[in-house]
């Protein structure tokens, strides 16, 4: 398959595939005299592995090291992907349930304790924690885990969370690529990484969720109509510009 055919099949850009080739992550089986990249079935299997790792927040450099290791086993990796994705789905389900309760709380239908507001934000059991420890060390990860141990810290982060949304809502009429928008969304990225571990790709994916799921859109747009779309666009631009 040629590069454009692979891009269309997978749903990624030709530019991304070119980048993977340039950094030695995914070289095509052959390149024709005319310069066309030709991808084999083995290339597609490797690409599938790359995208699984990306979905789980692994940086490209780490993915390259893993799949090029002589000890890498595709079947074992697939089993690991499944386990980690299932854990991720369970965590997202808990967070979605928290969003639903928060919507009802915002509409005055129920009462909600500070503990309930953070259900799903469980940093005591993170399926990616070992990866984080390898990248940043035990001290950094333990610092994150300690942040939500008491009610005072929970309230502090909830207030900071809302403050950032309000500041972004104030500038949502600007272009998502403007200096003000990118500075504001950088603050959001830094804040999220104080609580957990978000790669640029995960950050971009989170922004897409803001508009793909109407429950998230409704919750975010409480701060200002159109904020969810503005944040989605700004987060995508920020992620692409800082790779």
C-alpha atoms as a PDB file:
ATOM      1  CA  UNK A   1       0.000   0.000   0.000  1.00  0.00           C
ATOM      2  CA  UNK A   2       1.139   3.543  -0.724  1.00  0.00           C
ATOM      3  CA  UNK A   3       1.382   6.111   2.031  1.00  0.00           C
ATOM      4  CA  UNK A   4      -1.898   7.845   1.100  1.00  0.00           C
ATOM      5  CA  UNK A   5      -3.747   4.514   1.143  1.00  0.00           C
ATOM      6  CA  UNK A   6      -2.357   3.695   4.592  1.00  0.00           C
ATOM      7  CA  UNK A   7      -3.254   7.154   5.890  1.00  0.00           C
ATOM      8  CA  UNK A   8      -6.836   6.808   4.626  1.00  0.00           C
ATOM      9  CA  UNK A   9      -7.146   3.278   6.035  1.00  0.00           C
ATOM     10  CA  UNK A  10      -5.931   4.194   9.499  1.00  0.00           C
ATOM     11  CA  UNK A  11      -7.317   7.719   9.748  1.00  0.00           C
ATOM     12  CA  UNK A  12      -4.034   9.544  10.299  1.00  0.00           C
ATOM     13  CA  UNK A  13      -2.269  12.085   8.121  1.00  0.00           C
ATOM     14  CA  UNK A  14       0.341  11.404   5.462  1.00  0.00           C
ATOM     15  CA  UNK A  15       2.517  13.906   7.305  1.00  0.00           C
ATOM     16  CA  UNK A  16       2.366  11.705  10.436  1.00  0.00           C
ATOM     17  CA  UNK A  17       3.543   8.661   8.486  1.00  0.00           C
ATOM     18  CA  UNK A  18       6.359  10.697   6.947  1.00  0.00           C
ATOM     19  CA  UNK A  19       7.350  11.796  10.454  1.00  0.00           C
ATOM     20  CA  UNK A  20       7.376   8.203  11.721  1.00  0.00           C
ATOM     21  CA  UNK A  21       9.678   7.304   8.848  1.00  0.00           C
ATOM     22  CA  UNK A  22      11.996  10.266   9.470  1.00  0.00           C
ATOM     23  CA  UNK A  23      12.489   9.417  13.170  1.00  0.00           C
ATOM     24  CA  UNK A  24      13.008   5.716  12.475  1.00  0.00           C
ATOM     25  CA  UNK A  25       9.783   4.614  14.146  1.00  0.00           C
ATOM     26  CA  UNK A  26       8.104   3.111  11.076  1.00  0.00           C
ATOM     27  CA  UNK A  27      10.098   2.777   7.878  1.00  0.00           C
ATOM     28  CA  UNK A  28       8.158   1.584   4.797  1.00  0.00           C
ATOM     29  CA  UNK A  29       9.031  -1.792   3.323  1.00  0.00           C
ATOM     30  CA  UNK A  30      10.437  -0.052   0.271  1.00  0.00           C
ATOM     31  CA  UNK A  31      10.667   3.279  -1.474  1.00  0.00           C
ATOM     32  CA  UNK A  32      10.257   3.347  -5.258  1.00  0.00           C
ATOM     33  CA  UNK A  33      12.578   5.163  -7.638  1.00  0.00           C
ATOM     34  CA  UNK A  34       9.888   7.833  -7.880  1.00  0.00           C
ATOM     35  CA  UNK A  35      10.028   8.325  -4.108  1.00  0.00           C
ATOM     36  CA  UNK A  36       6.747   6.579  -3.243  1.00  0.00           C
ATOM     37  CA  UNK A  37       6.699   4.843   0.132  1.00  0.00           C
ATOM     38  CA  UNK A  38       5.318   1.275  -0.045  1.00  0.00           C
ATOM     39  CA  UNK A  39       4.001  -0.340   3.147  1.00  0.00           C
ATOM     40  CA  UNK A  40       3.718  -4.087   3.742  1.00  0.00           C
ATOM     41  CA  UNK A  41       1.372  -6.080   5.994  1.00  0.00           C
ATOM     42  CA  UNK A  42       4.184  -6.245   8.554  1.00  0.00           C
ATOM     43  CA  UNK A  43       4.395  -2.456   8.470  1.00  0.00           C
ATOM     44  CA  UNK A  44       0.667  -2.243   9.170  1.00  0.00           C
ATOM     45  CA  UNK A  45       0.994  -4.596  12.149  1.00  0.00           C
ATOM     46  CA  UNK A  46       3.776  -2.412  13.535  1.00  0.00           C
ATOM     47  CA  UNK A  47       1.657   0.698  12.943  1.00  0.00           C
ATOM     48  CA  UNK A  48      -1.180  -0.900  14.896  1.00  0.00           C
ATOM     49  CA  UNK A  49       1.191  -1.430  17.832  1.00  0.00           C
ATOM     50  CA  UNK A  50       2.385   2.177  17.629  1.00  0.00           C
ATOM     51  CA  UNK A  51      -1.172   3.503  17.736  1.00  0.00           C
ATOM     52  CA  UNK A  52      -2.087   1.271  20.678  1.00  0.00           C
ATOM     53  CA  UNK A  53       0.869   2.624  22.634  1.00  0.00           C
ATOM     54  CA  UNK A  54      -0.012   6.199  21.659  1.00  0.00           C
ATOM     55  CA  UNK A  55      -3.584   5.703  22.861  1.00  0.00           C
ATOM     56  CA  UNK A  56      -2.150   4.736  26.240  1.00  0.00           C
ATOM     57  CA  UNK A  57      -0.073   7.902  26.430  1.00  0.00           C
ATOM     58  CA  UNK A  58       3.386   6.579  25.568  1.00  0.00           C
ATOM     59  CA  UNK A  59       5.715   9.105  23.869  1.00  0.00           C
ATOM     60  CA  UNK A  60       7.063   8.245  20.420  1.00  0.00           C
ATOM     61  CA  UNK A  61      10.628   7.877  21.689  1.00  0.00           C
ATOM     62  CA  UNK A  62       9.499   5.299  24.250  1.00  0.00           C
ATOM     63  CA  UNK A  63       7.408   3.439  21.648  1.00  0.00           C
ATOM     64  CA  UNK A  64      10.422   3.255  19.346  1.00  0.00           C
ATOM     65  CA  UNK A  65      12.563   1.773  22.092  1.00  0.00           C
ATOM     66  CA  UNK A  66       9.895  -0.797  22.976  1.00  0.00           C
ATOM     67  CA  UNK A  67       9.071  -2.099  19.496  1.00  0.00           C
ATOM     68  CA  UNK A  68      12.729  -2.185  18.452  1.00  0.00           C
ATOM     69  CA  UNK A  69      13.762  -4.176  21.493  1.00  0.00           C
ATOM     70  CA  UNK A  70      14.884  -7.740  20.662  1.00  0.00           C
ATOM     71  CA  UNK A  71      12.705  -8.889  23.579  1.00  0.00           C
ATOM     72  CA  UNK A  72       9.543  -7.298  22.146  1.00  0.00           C
ATOM     73  CA  UNK A  73       6.776  -9.853  21.698  1.00  0.00           C
ATOM     74  CA  UNK A  74       3.721  -8.764  19.693  1.00  0.00           C
ATOM     75  CA  UNK A  75       1.304 -11.234  21.294  1.00  0.00           C
ATOM     76  CA  UNK A  76       2.424 -10.255  24.769  1.00  0.00           C
ATOM     77  CA  UNK A  77       2.104  -6.585  23.850  1.00  0.00           C
ATOM     78  CA  UNK A  78      -1.455  -7.099  22.588  1.00  0.00           C
ATOM     79  CA  UNK A  79      -2.423  -8.784  25.842  1.00  0.00           C
ATOM     80  CA  UNK A  80      -0.923  -5.872  27.754  1.00  0.00           C
ATOM     81  CA  UNK A  81      -2.760  -3.353  25.552  1.00  0.00           C
ATOM     82  CA  UNK A  82      -6.055  -5.086  26.286  1.00  0.00           C
ATOM     83  CA  UNK A  83      -5.446  -5.104  30.040  1.00  0.00           C
ATOM     84  CA  UNK A  84      -4.462  -1.426  30.111  1.00  0.00           C
ATOM     85  CA  UNK A  85      -7.338  -0.338  27.859  1.00  0.00           C
ATOM     86  CA  UNK A  86      -9.842  -2.181  30.040  1.00  0.00           C
ATOM     87  CA  UNK A  87      -8.460  -0.418  33.104  1.00  0.00           C
ATOM     88  CA  UNK A  88      -8.620   2.895  31.253  1.00  0.00           C
ATOM     89  CA  UNK A  89     -12.255   2.214  30.265  1.00  0.00           C
ATOM     90  CA  UNK A  90     -13.196   1.429  33.854  1.00  0.00           C
ATOM     91  CA  UNK A  91     -11.591   4.665  35.036  1.00  0.00           C
ATOM     92  CA  UNK A  92     -13.339   6.677  32.317  1.00  0.00           C
ATOM     93  CA  UNK A  93     -16.670   5.077  33.228  1.00  0.00           C
ATOM     94  CA  UNK A  94     -16.187   6.237  36.813  1.00  0.00           C
ATOM     95  CA  UNK A  95     -15.285   9.738  35.644  1.00  0.00           C
ATOM     96  CA  UNK A  96     -18.318   9.880  33.335  1.00  0.00           C
ATOM     97  CA  UNK A  97     -20.524   8.860  36.264  1.00  0.00           C
ATOM     98  CA  UNK A  98     -18.959  11.716  38.241  1.00  0.00           C
ATOM     99  CA  UNK A  99     -19.717  14.118  35.375  1.00  0.00           C
ATOM    100  CA  UNK A 100     -23.357  12.975  35.361  1.00  0.00           C
ATOM    101  CA  UNK A 101     -23.642  13.539  39.120  1.00  0.00           C
ATOM    102  CA  UNK A 102     -21.931  16.924  38.793  1.00  0.00           C
ATOM    103  CA  UNK A 103     -24.455  17.986  36.152  1.00  0.00           C
ATOM    104  CA  UNK A 104     -27.313  17.069  38.475  1.00  0.00           C
ATOM    105  CA  UNK A 105     -25.537  18.902  41.303  1.00  0.00           C
ATOM    106  CA  UNK A 106     -25.121  21.999  39.113  1.00  0.00           C
ATOM    107  CA  UNK A 107     -28.823  21.900  38.277  1.00  0.00           C
ATOM    108  CA  UNK A 108     -29.733  21.671  41.964  1.00  0.00           C
ATOM    109  CA  UNK A 109     -31.132  18.145  41.748  1.00  0.00           C
ATOM    110  CA  UNK A 110     -28.745  16.532  44.251  1.00  0.00           C
ATOM    111  CA  UNK A 111     -26.168  17.356  46.908  1.00  0.00           C
ATOM    112  CA  UNK A 112     -22.559  16.369  46.254  1.00  0.00           C
ATOM    113  CA  UNK A 113     -19.635  16.105  48.651  1.00  0.00           C
ATOM    114  CA  UNK A 114     -16.093  17.117  47.714  1.00  0.00           C
ATOM    115  CA  UNK A 115     -15.116  13.437  47.797  1.00  0.00           C
ATOM    116  CA  UNK A 116     -17.824  12.613  45.251  1.00  0.00           C
ATOM    117  CA  UNK A 117     -16.608  15.392  42.935  1.00  0.00           C
ATOM    118  CA  UNK A 118     -13.325  13.547  42.535  1.00  0.00           C
ATOM    119  CA  UNK A 119     -14.565   9.987  42.121  1.00  0.00           C
ATOM    120  CA  UNK A 120     -12.697   8.477  39.192  1.00  0.00           C
ATOM    121  CA  UNK A 121      -9.632  10.655  39.791  1.00  0.00           C
ATOM    122  CA  UNK A 122      -7.880   7.751  41.459  1.00  0.00           C
ATOM    123  CA  UNK A 123      -4.127   8.286  41.398  1.00  0.00           C
ATOM    124  CA  UNK A 124      -3.478   5.551  43.933  1.00  0.00           C
ATOM    125  CA  UNK A 125      -3.898   2.959  41.176  1.00  0.00           C
ATOM    126  CA  UNK A 126      -2.794   4.224  37.789  1.00  0.00           C
ATOM    127  CA  UNK A 127      -2.178   1.573  35.085  1.00  0.00           C
ATOM    128  CA  UNK A 128       0.495   3.852  33.604  1.00  0.00           C
ATOM    129  CA  UNK A 129       2.237   4.573  36.902  1.00  0.00           C
ATOM    130  CA  UNK A 130       5.234   2.369  36.171  1.00  0.00           C
ATOM    131  CA  UNK A 131       5.752   4.231  32.902  1.00  0.00           C
ATOM    132  CA  UNK A 132       5.548   7.536  34.746  1.00  0.00           C
ATOM    133  CA  UNK A 133       8.034   6.352  37.348  1.00  0.00           C
ATOM    134  CA  UNK A 134      10.476   5.361  34.622  1.00  0.00           C
ATOM    135  CA  UNK A 135      10.159   8.765  32.943  1.00  0.00           C
ATOM    136  CA  UNK A 136      10.065  11.122  35.927  1.00  0.00           C
ATOM    137  CA  UNK A 137      11.091   9.116  38.975  1.00  0.00           C
ATOM    138  CA  UNK A 138       9.335   8.017  42.153  1.00  0.00           C
ATOM    139  CA  UNK A 139       9.399  11.416  43.835  1.00  0.00           C
ATOM    140  CA  UNK A 140       7.358  13.136  41.121  1.00  0.00           C
ATOM    141  CA  UNK A 141       4.725  10.396  40.985  1.00  0.00           C
ATOM    142  CA  UNK A 142       4.411  10.169  44.772  1.00  0.00           C
ATOM    143  CA  UNK A 143       3.914  13.933  44.875  1.00  0.00           C
ATOM    144  CA  UNK A 144       0.919  13.589  42.531  1.00  0.00           C
ATOM    145  CA  UNK A 145      -0.572  10.745  44.560  1.00  0.00           C
ATOM    146  CA  UNK A 146      -0.373  12.844  47.720  1.00  0.00           C
ATOM    147  CA  UNK A 147      -2.364  15.745  46.273  1.00  0.00           C
ATOM    148  CA  UNK A 148      -5.812  14.308  46.859  1.00  0.00           C
ATOM    149  CA  UNK A 149      -5.411  12.751  50.284  1.00  0.00           C
ATOM    150  CA  UNK A 150      -7.350  15.418  52.177  1.00  0.00           C
ATOM    151  CA  UNK A 151     -10.456  17.513  51.633  1.00  0.00           C
ATOM    152  CA  UNK A 152      -8.565  20.816  51.723  1.00  0.00           C
ATOM    153  CA  UNK A 153      -6.422  19.827  48.731  1.00  0.00           C
ATOM    154  CA  UNK A 154      -9.473  18.556  46.886  1.00  0.00           C
ATOM    155  CA  UNK A 155     -11.207  21.913  47.297  1.00  0.00           C
ATOM    156  CA  UNK A 156      -8.067  23.784  46.256  1.00  0.00           C
ATOM    157  CA  UNK A 157      -7.835  21.875  42.992  1.00  0.00           C
ATOM    158  CA  UNK A 158     -11.573  22.159  42.341  1.00  0.00           C
ATOM    159  CA  UNK A 159     -11.327  25.946  42.727  1.00  0.00           C
ATOM    160  CA  UNK A 160      -8.272  26.133  40.456  1.00  0.00           C
ATOM    161  CA  UNK A 161     -10.078  23.943  37.917  1.00  0.00           C
ATOM    162  CA  UNK A 162     -13.036  26.347  37.800  1.00  0.00           C
ATOM    163  CA  UNK A 163     -10.822  29.456  37.692  1.00  0.00           C
ATOM    164  CA  UNK A 164      -9.023  28.236  34.569  1.00  0.00           C
ATOM    165  CA  UNK A 165     -12.348  27.492  32.867  1.00  0.00           C
ATOM    166  CA  UNK A 166     -13.575  31.007  33.668  1.00  0.00           C
ATOM    167  CA  UNK A 167     -10.425  32.639  32.282  1.00  0.00           C
ATOM    168  CA  UNK A 168     -10.692  30.593  29.090  1.00  0.00           C
ATOM    169  CA  UNK A 169     -14.372  31.471  28.791  1.00  0.00           C
ATOM    170  CA  UNK A 170     -13.447  35.166  28.889  1.00  0.00           C
ATOM    171  CA  UNK A 171     -11.300  34.798  25.744  1.00  0.00           C
ATOM    172  CA  UNK A 172     -13.351  32.210  23.833  1.00  0.00           C
ATOM    173  CA  UNK A 173     -14.309  34.862  21.244  1.00  0.00           C
ATOM    174  CA  UNK A 174     -10.650  34.990  20.112  1.00  0.00           C
ATOM    175  CA  UNK A 175      -9.036  32.673  17.586  1.00  0.00           C
ATOM    176  CA  UNK A 176      -7.965  29.356  19.115  1.00  0.00           C
ATOM    177  CA  UNK A 177      -4.516  29.965  17.620  1.00  0.00           C
ATOM    178  CA  UNK A 178      -4.138  33.442  19.141  1.00  0.00           C
ATOM    179  CA  UNK A 179      -1.394  34.170  21.649  1.00  0.00           C
ATOM    180  CA  UNK A 180      -3.942  34.668  24.434  1.00  0.00           C
ATOM    181  CA  UNK A 181      -5.727  31.395  23.677  1.00  0.00           C
ATOM    182  CA  UNK A 182      -2.510  29.394  23.512  1.00  0.00           C
ATOM    183  CA  UNK A 183      -1.207  30.886  26.749  1.00  0.00           C
ATOM    184  CA  UNK A 184      -4.509  30.060  28.430  1.00  0.00           C
ATOM    185  CA  UNK A 185      -4.602  26.504  27.138  1.00  0.00           C
ATOM    186  CA  UNK A 186      -0.979  26.002  28.163  1.00  0.00           C
ATOM    187  CA  UNK A 187      -2.064  26.845  31.714  1.00  0.00           C
ATOM    188  CA  UNK A 188      -4.722  24.109  31.402  1.00  0.00           C
ATOM    189  CA  UNK A 189      -2.144  21.590  30.128  1.00  0.00           C
ATOM    190  CA  UNK A 190       0.260  22.388  32.966  1.00  0.00           C
ATOM    191  CA  UNK A 191      -2.560  22.132  35.509  1.00  0.00           C
ATOM    192  CA  UNK A 192      -3.664  18.714  34.242  1.00  0.00           C
ATOM    193  CA  UNK A 193      -0.105  17.447  34.438  1.00  0.00           C
ATOM    194  CA  UNK A 194       0.110  18.587  38.043  1.00  0.00           C
ATOM    195  CA  UNK A 195      -2.723  16.161  38.777  1.00  0.00           C
ATOM    196  CA  UNK A 196      -1.730  13.314  36.466  1.00  0.00           C
ATOM    197  CA  UNK A 197       0.231  12.436  33.357  1.00  0.00           C
ATOM    198  CA  UNK A 198      -1.031  13.752  30.030  1.00  0.00           C
ATOM    199  CA  UNK A 199       0.982  13.392  26.862  1.00  0.00           C
ATOM    200  CA  UNK A 200       0.334  15.938  24.113  1.00  0.00           C
ATOM    201  CA  UNK A 201      -1.637  13.313  22.178  1.00  0.00           C
ATOM    202  CA  UNK A 202      -3.739  12.484  25.243  1.00  0.00           C
ATOM    203  CA  UNK A 203      -4.315  16.218  25.806  1.00  0.00           C
ATOM    204  CA  UNK A 204      -5.504  16.594  22.212  1.00  0.00           C
ATOM    205  CA  UNK A 205      -7.757  13.549  22.577  1.00  0.00           C
ATOM    206  CA  UNK A 206      -9.247  14.975  25.768  1.00  0.00           C
ATOM    207  CA  UNK A 207     -10.145  18.155  23.903  1.00  0.00           C
ATOM    208  CA  UNK A 208     -11.888  16.124  21.206  1.00  0.00           C
ATOM    209  CA  UNK A 209     -13.930  14.398  23.916  1.00  0.00           C
ATOM    210  CA  UNK A 210     -15.174  17.815  25.050  1.00  0.00           C
ATOM    211  CA  UNK A 211     -17.171  18.159  21.824  1.00  0.00           C
ATOM    212  CA  UNK A 212     -17.751  14.484  20.972  1.00  0.00           C
ATOM    213  CA  UNK A 213     -19.694  13.795  24.179  1.00  0.00           C
ATOM    214  CA  UNK A 214     -22.601  16.180  24.752  1.00  0.00           C
ATOM    215  CA  UNK A 215     -22.398  15.619  28.506  1.00  0.00           C
ATOM    216  CA  UNK A 216     -18.894  17.073  28.590  1.00  0.00           C
ATOM    217  CA  UNK A 217     -19.949  19.879  26.240  1.00  0.00           C
ATOM    218  CA  UNK A 218     -22.888  20.826  28.444  1.00  0.00           C
ATOM    219  CA  UNK A 219     -20.769  20.810  31.588  1.00  0.00           C
ATOM    220  CA  UNK A 220     -17.993  22.948  30.087  1.00  0.00           C
ATOM    221  CA  UNK A 221     -20.351  25.349  28.322  1.00  0.00           C
ATOM    222  CA  UNK A 222     -21.820  26.267  31.707  1.00  0.00           C
ATOM    223  CA  UNK A 223     -18.863  28.650  31.909  1.00  0.00           C
ATOM    224  CA  UNK A 224     -19.711  30.169  28.518  1.00  0.00           C
ATOM    225  CA  UNK A 225     -21.461  28.955  25.399  1.00  0.00           C
ATOM    226  CA  UNK A 226     -18.972  27.621  22.865  1.00  0.00           C
ATOM    227  CA  UNK A 227     -16.193  27.102  25.426  1.00  0.00           C
ATOM    228  CA  UNK A 228     -15.954  23.349  24.784  1.00  0.00           C
ATOM    229  CA  UNK A 229     -15.356  23.852  21.058  1.00  0.00           C
ATOM    230  CA  UNK A 230     -12.907  26.672  21.726  1.00  0.00           C
ATOM    231  CA  UNK A 231     -10.915  24.498  24.133  1.00  0.00           C
ATOM    232  CA  UNK A 232     -10.988  21.543  21.745  1.00  0.00           C
ATOM    233  CA  UNK A 233      -9.554  23.692  18.933  1.00  0.00           C
ATOM    234  CA  UNK A 234      -6.973  25.372  21.165  1.00  0.00           C
ATOM    235  CA  UNK A 235      -5.833  22.062  22.695  1.00  0.00           C
ATOM    236  CA  UNK A 236      -5.395  20.518  19.246  1.00  0.00           C
ATOM    237  CA  UNK A 237      -3.315  23.471  18.063  1.00  0.00           C
ATOM    238  CA  UNK A 238      -1.220  23.439  21.253  1.00  0.00           C
ATOM    239  CA  UNK A 239      -0.539  19.706  20.958  1.00  0.00           C
ATOM    240  CA  UNK A 240       0.455  19.945  17.282  1.00  0.00           C
ATOM    241  CA  UNK A 241       2.710  22.973  17.816  1.00  0.00           C
ATOM    242  CA  UNK A 242       4.574  21.487  20.772  1.00  0.00           C
ATOM    243  CA  UNK A 243       5.354  17.977  19.512  1.00  0.00           C
END
